[in-house]
Amino acid sequence: MGHPYMKTTLDLDDVLLAEAKRRAAAEGVSLKAFVEEALRARMLPRPKTQVAFRLELPVVRGHAPPAVSTSDRRVLDDYLDEP
């Protein structure tokens, strides 16, 4: 007997409909099949197997750089020569 179908009329945005027609043609399917697949994909429950990505960066403890002007080579050399 097959699947029961119902005819309906939808008012769609012209640009959206044109893009749907273009993609359906590119995929070699009818507009009806394309829209049905899109609706099914949107309506099916999404699997909850994916865990949200969480980025954890390491914390590195250190000390502030010395207050030495790197533009004064003599002062910098003196600082680097200190024990």
N, C-alpha and C. Protein backbone atom coordinates (compact mmCIF):
# COMPACT_ATOMS: atom_id res chain seq x y z
N MET A 1 0.81 -1.19 0.00
CA MET A 1 0.00 0.00 0.00
C MET A 1 0.86 1.27 0.00
N GLY A 2 2.06 1.23 0.53
CA GLY A 2 2.94 2.39 0.48
C GLY A 2 2.71 3.37 1.62
N HIS A 3 3.45 4.45 1.56
CA HIS A 3 3.35 5.48 2.59
C HIS A 3 2.22 6.44 2.27
N PRO A 4 1.49 6.87 3.28
CA PRO A 4 0.46 7.88 3.02
C PRO A 4 1.13 9.25 2.82
N TYR A 5 0.68 9.96 1.83
CA TYR A 5 1.23 11.28 1.56
C TYR A 5 0.13 12.31 1.67
N MET A 6 0.52 13.51 2.04
CA MET A 6 -0.43 14.60 2.13
C MET A 6 0.12 15.76 1.33
N LYS A 7 -0.69 16.30 0.48
CA LYS A 7 -0.29 17.50 -0.27
C LYS A 7 -0.47 18.70 0.64
N THR A 8 0.48 19.61 0.56
CA THR A 8 0.37 20.83 1.35
C THR A 8 1.01 21.96 0.58
N THR A 9 0.71 23.15 0.97
CA THR A 9 1.29 24.34 0.35
C THR A 9 2.08 25.09 1.41
N LEU A 10 3.30 25.44 1.06
CA LEU A 10 4.15 26.21 1.96
C LEU A 10 4.56 27.51 1.29
N ASP A 11 4.57 28.58 2.03
CA ASP A 11 5.11 29.84 1.52
C ASP A 11 6.56 29.91 1.99
N LEU A 12 7.47 29.80 1.03
CA LEU A 12 8.90 29.80 1.34
C LEU A 12 9.58 31.03 0.77
N ASP A 13 10.62 31.43 1.41
CA ASP A 13 11.44 32.52 0.91
C ASP A 13 11.97 32.13 -0.48
N ASP A 14 11.89 33.05 -1.43
CA ASP A 14 12.30 32.76 -2.81
C ASP A 14 13.75 32.30 -2.90
N VAL A 15 14.62 32.95 -2.18
CA VAL A 15 16.05 32.61 -2.22
C VAL A 15 16.27 31.22 -1.63
N LEU A 16 15.59 30.92 -0.53
CA LEU A 16 15.72 29.61 0.10
C LEU A 16 15.22 28.50 -0.83
N LEU A 17 14.09 28.72 -1.46
CA LEU A 17 13.54 27.73 -2.38
C LEU A 17 14.47 27.52 -3.58
N ALA A 18 14.99 28.59 -4.12
CA ALA A 18 15.90 28.48 -5.26
C ALA A 18 17.15 27.68 -4.88
N GLU A 19 17.67 27.93 -3.68
CA GLU A 19 18.86 27.18 -3.22
C GLU A 19 18.52 25.71 -2.99
N ALA A 20 17.35 25.43 -2.43
CA ALA A 20 16.93 24.04 -2.22
C ALA A 20 16.80 23.32 -3.57
N LYS A 21 16.22 23.99 -4.55
CA LYS A 21 16.09 23.39 -5.89
C LYS A 21 17.46 23.13 -6.50
N ARG A 22 18.37 24.09 -6.34
CA ARG A 22 19.73 23.94 -6.89
C ARG A 22 20.45 22.76 -6.25
N ARG A 23 20.36 22.66 -4.93
CA ARG A 23 21.04 21.56 -4.23
C ARG A 23 20.41 20.21 -4.55
N ALA A 24 19.09 20.18 -4.65
CA ALA A 24 18.42 18.93 -5.01
C ALA A 24 18.89 18.46 -6.39
N ALA A 25 18.95 19.38 -7.33
CA ALA A 25 19.40 19.03 -8.69
C ALA A 25 20.85 18.56 -8.66
N ALA A 26 21.68 19.25 -7.89
CA ALA A 26 23.10 18.87 -7.80
C ALA A 26 23.26 17.48 -7.20
N GLU A 27 22.36 17.11 -6.29
CA GLU A 27 22.42 15.79 -5.66
C GLU A 27 21.66 14.74 -6.47
N GLY A 28 20.98 15.18 -7.53
CA GLY A 28 20.24 14.25 -8.38
C GLY A 28 18.99 13.68 -7.73
N VAL A 29 18.36 14.49 -6.85
CA VAL A 29 17.12 14.06 -6.20
C VAL A 29 16.04 15.09 -6.47
N SER A 30 14.80 14.66 -6.26
CA SER A 30 13.69 15.60 -6.45
C SER A 30 13.65 16.60 -5.29
N LEU A 31 12.99 17.72 -5.55
CA LEU A 31 12.82 18.72 -4.49
C LEU A 31 12.06 18.10 -3.32
N LYS A 32 11.05 17.27 -3.62
CA LYS A 32 10.28 16.59 -2.57
C LYS A 32 11.19 15.75 -1.69
N ALA A 33 12.03 14.95 -2.31
CA ALA A 33 12.95 14.08 -1.54
C ALA A 33 13.93 14.92 -0.73
N PHE A 34 14.41 16.01 -1.33
CA PHE A 34 15.37 16.87 -0.64
C PHE A 34 14.74 17.49 0.61
N VAL A 35 13.53 18.02 0.46
CA VAL A 35 12.84 18.66 1.58
C VAL A 35 12.49 17.63 2.65
N GLU A 36 12.03 16.43 2.24
CA GLU A 36 11.71 15.39 3.22
C GLU A 36 12.95 15.01 4.03
N GLU A 37 14.07 14.85 3.35
CA GLU A 37 15.31 14.50 4.06
C GLU A 37 15.73 15.60 5.02
N ALA A 38 15.59 16.85 4.59
CA ALA A 38 15.94 17.98 5.45
C ALA A 38 15.04 18.02 6.69
N LEU A 39 13.75 17.78 6.50
CA LEU A 39 12.83 17.76 7.63
C LEU A 39 13.13 16.62 8.59
N ARG A 40 13.39 15.44 8.03
CA ARG A 40 13.72 14.30 8.89
C ARG A 40 14.99 14.57 9.71
N ALA A 41 15.99 15.11 9.05
CA ALA A 41 17.25 15.41 9.74
C ALA A 41 17.03 16.40 10.87
N ARG A 42 16.17 17.37 10.65
CA ARG A 42 15.91 18.38 11.66
C ARG A 42 15.05 17.84 12.81
N MET A 43 14.16 16.91 12.50
CA MET A 43 13.20 16.43 13.50
C MET A 43 13.69 15.23 14.30
N LEU A 44 14.64 14.48 13.77
CA LEU A 44 15.12 13.31 14.49
C LEU A 44 15.88 13.73 15.74
N PRO A 45 15.74 12.96 16.81
CA PRO A 45 16.51 13.31 18.01
C PRO A 45 18.00 13.18 17.72
N ARG A 46 18.75 14.10 18.23
CA ARG A 46 20.19 14.09 18.01
C ARG A 46 20.85 13.22 19.07
N PRO A 47 21.80 12.41 18.65
CA PRO A 47 22.49 11.56 19.63
C PRO A 47 23.28 12.42 20.62
N LYS A 48 23.25 11.99 21.86
CA LYS A 48 23.93 12.74 22.90
C LYS A 48 25.25 12.08 23.28
N THR A 49 25.87 11.44 22.29
CA THR A 49 27.12 10.74 22.56
C THR A 49 28.32 11.68 22.56
N GLN A 50 28.18 12.84 21.92
CA GLN A 50 29.29 13.77 21.89
C GLN A 50 29.37 14.54 23.19
N VAL A 51 30.58 14.67 23.67
CA VAL A 51 30.83 15.45 24.87
C VAL A 51 31.29 16.84 24.41
N ALA A 52 30.82 17.84 25.07
CA ALA A 52 31.21 19.20 24.72
C ALA A 52 32.73 19.35 24.86
N PHE A 53 33.33 20.02 23.89
CA PHE A 53 34.77 20.24 23.91
C PHE A 53 35.12 21.21 25.03
N ARG A 54 36.13 20.86 25.77
CA ARG A 54 36.60 21.73 26.85
C ARG A 54 38.10 21.84 26.77
N LEU A 55 38.59 23.03 26.57
CA LEU A 55 40.02 23.28 26.47
C LEU A 55 40.55 23.65 27.84
N GLU A 56 41.53 22.87 28.29
CA GLU A 56 42.17 23.17 29.57
C GLU A 56 43.62 23.50 29.30
N LEU A 57 43.99 24.71 29.60
CA LEU A 57 45.36 25.16 29.39
C LEU A 57 46.14 25.02 30.70
N PRO A 58 47.40 24.59 30.60
CA PRO A 58 48.19 24.48 31.82
C PRO A 58 48.53 25.87 32.37
N VAL A 59 48.61 25.95 33.68
CA VAL A 59 49.00 27.19 34.33
C VAL A 59 50.48 27.06 34.68
N VAL A 60 51.26 28.00 34.19
CA VAL A 60 52.70 27.98 34.44
C VAL A 60 53.02 29.11 35.40
N ARG A 61 53.58 28.76 36.52
CA ARG A 61 53.94 29.77 37.51
C ARG A 61 55.35 30.28 37.20
N GLY A 62 55.57 31.54 37.37
CA GLY A 62 56.88 32.10 37.09
C GLY A 62 57.06 33.38 37.87
N HIS A 63 57.97 34.19 37.43
CA HIS A 63 58.19 35.47 38.08
C HIS A 63 58.22 36.54 37.00
N ALA A 64 58.05 37.76 37.43
CA ALA A 64 58.03 38.88 36.50
C ALA A 64 59.42 39.08 35.90
N PRO A 65 59.48 39.51 34.66
CA PRO A 65 60.78 39.76 34.06
C PRO A 65 61.50 40.90 34.79
N PRO A 66 62.82 40.91 34.74
CA PRO A 66 63.57 41.97 35.43
C PRO A 66 63.28 43.34 34.82
N ALA A 67 63.36 44.34 35.63
CA ALA A 67 63.12 45.71 35.17
C ALA A 67 64.42 46.27 34.60
N VAL A 68 64.82 45.71 33.48
CA VAL A 68 66.05 46.14 32.83
C VAL A 68 65.70 46.57 31.42
N SER A 69 66.18 47.71 31.03
CA SER A 69 65.92 48.19 29.69
C SER A 69 66.77 47.41 28.70
N THR A 70 66.12 46.79 27.73
CA THR A 70 66.86 46.03 26.73
C THR A 70 67.48 46.94 25.69
N SER A 71 67.13 48.22 25.71
CA SER A 71 67.71 49.16 24.75
C SER A 71 69.08 49.65 25.20
N ASP A 72 69.42 49.47 26.48
CA ASP A 72 70.75 49.88 27.00
C ASP A 72 71.61 48.63 27.14
N ARG A 73 72.42 48.39 26.15
CA ARG A 73 73.23 47.16 26.08
C ARG A 73 74.14 47.01 27.31
N ARG A 74 74.73 48.09 27.79
CA ARG A 74 75.65 48.02 28.93
C ARG A 74 74.92 47.58 30.20
N VAL A 75 73.75 48.13 30.45
CA VAL A 75 72.95 47.76 31.63
C VAL A 75 72.51 46.30 31.51
N LEU A 76 72.12 45.90 30.33
CA LEU A 76 71.68 44.53 30.10
C LEU A 76 72.83 43.56 30.32
N ASP A 77 74.01 43.87 29.79
CA ASP A 77 75.19 43.03 30.00
C ASP A 77 75.53 42.91 31.47
N ASP A 78 75.45 44.03 32.19
CA ASP A 78 75.74 44.01 33.64
C ASP A 78 74.75 43.11 34.36
N TYR A 79 73.48 43.19 33.97
CA TYR A 79 72.45 42.37 34.64
C TYR A 79 72.72 40.88 34.35
N LEU A 80 73.04 40.56 33.13
CA LEU A 80 73.27 39.15 32.76
C LEU A 80 74.52 38.59 33.41
N ASP A 81 75.49 39.45 33.72
CA ASP A 81 76.73 38.98 34.36
C ASP A 81 76.57 38.77 35.86
N GLU A 82 75.45 39.27 36.44
CA GLU A 82 75.23 39.07 37.88
C GLU A 82 74.97 37.61 38.15
N PRO A 83 75.46 37.11 39.32
CA PRO A 83 75.25 35.69 39.67
C PRO A 83 73.82 35.38 40.01
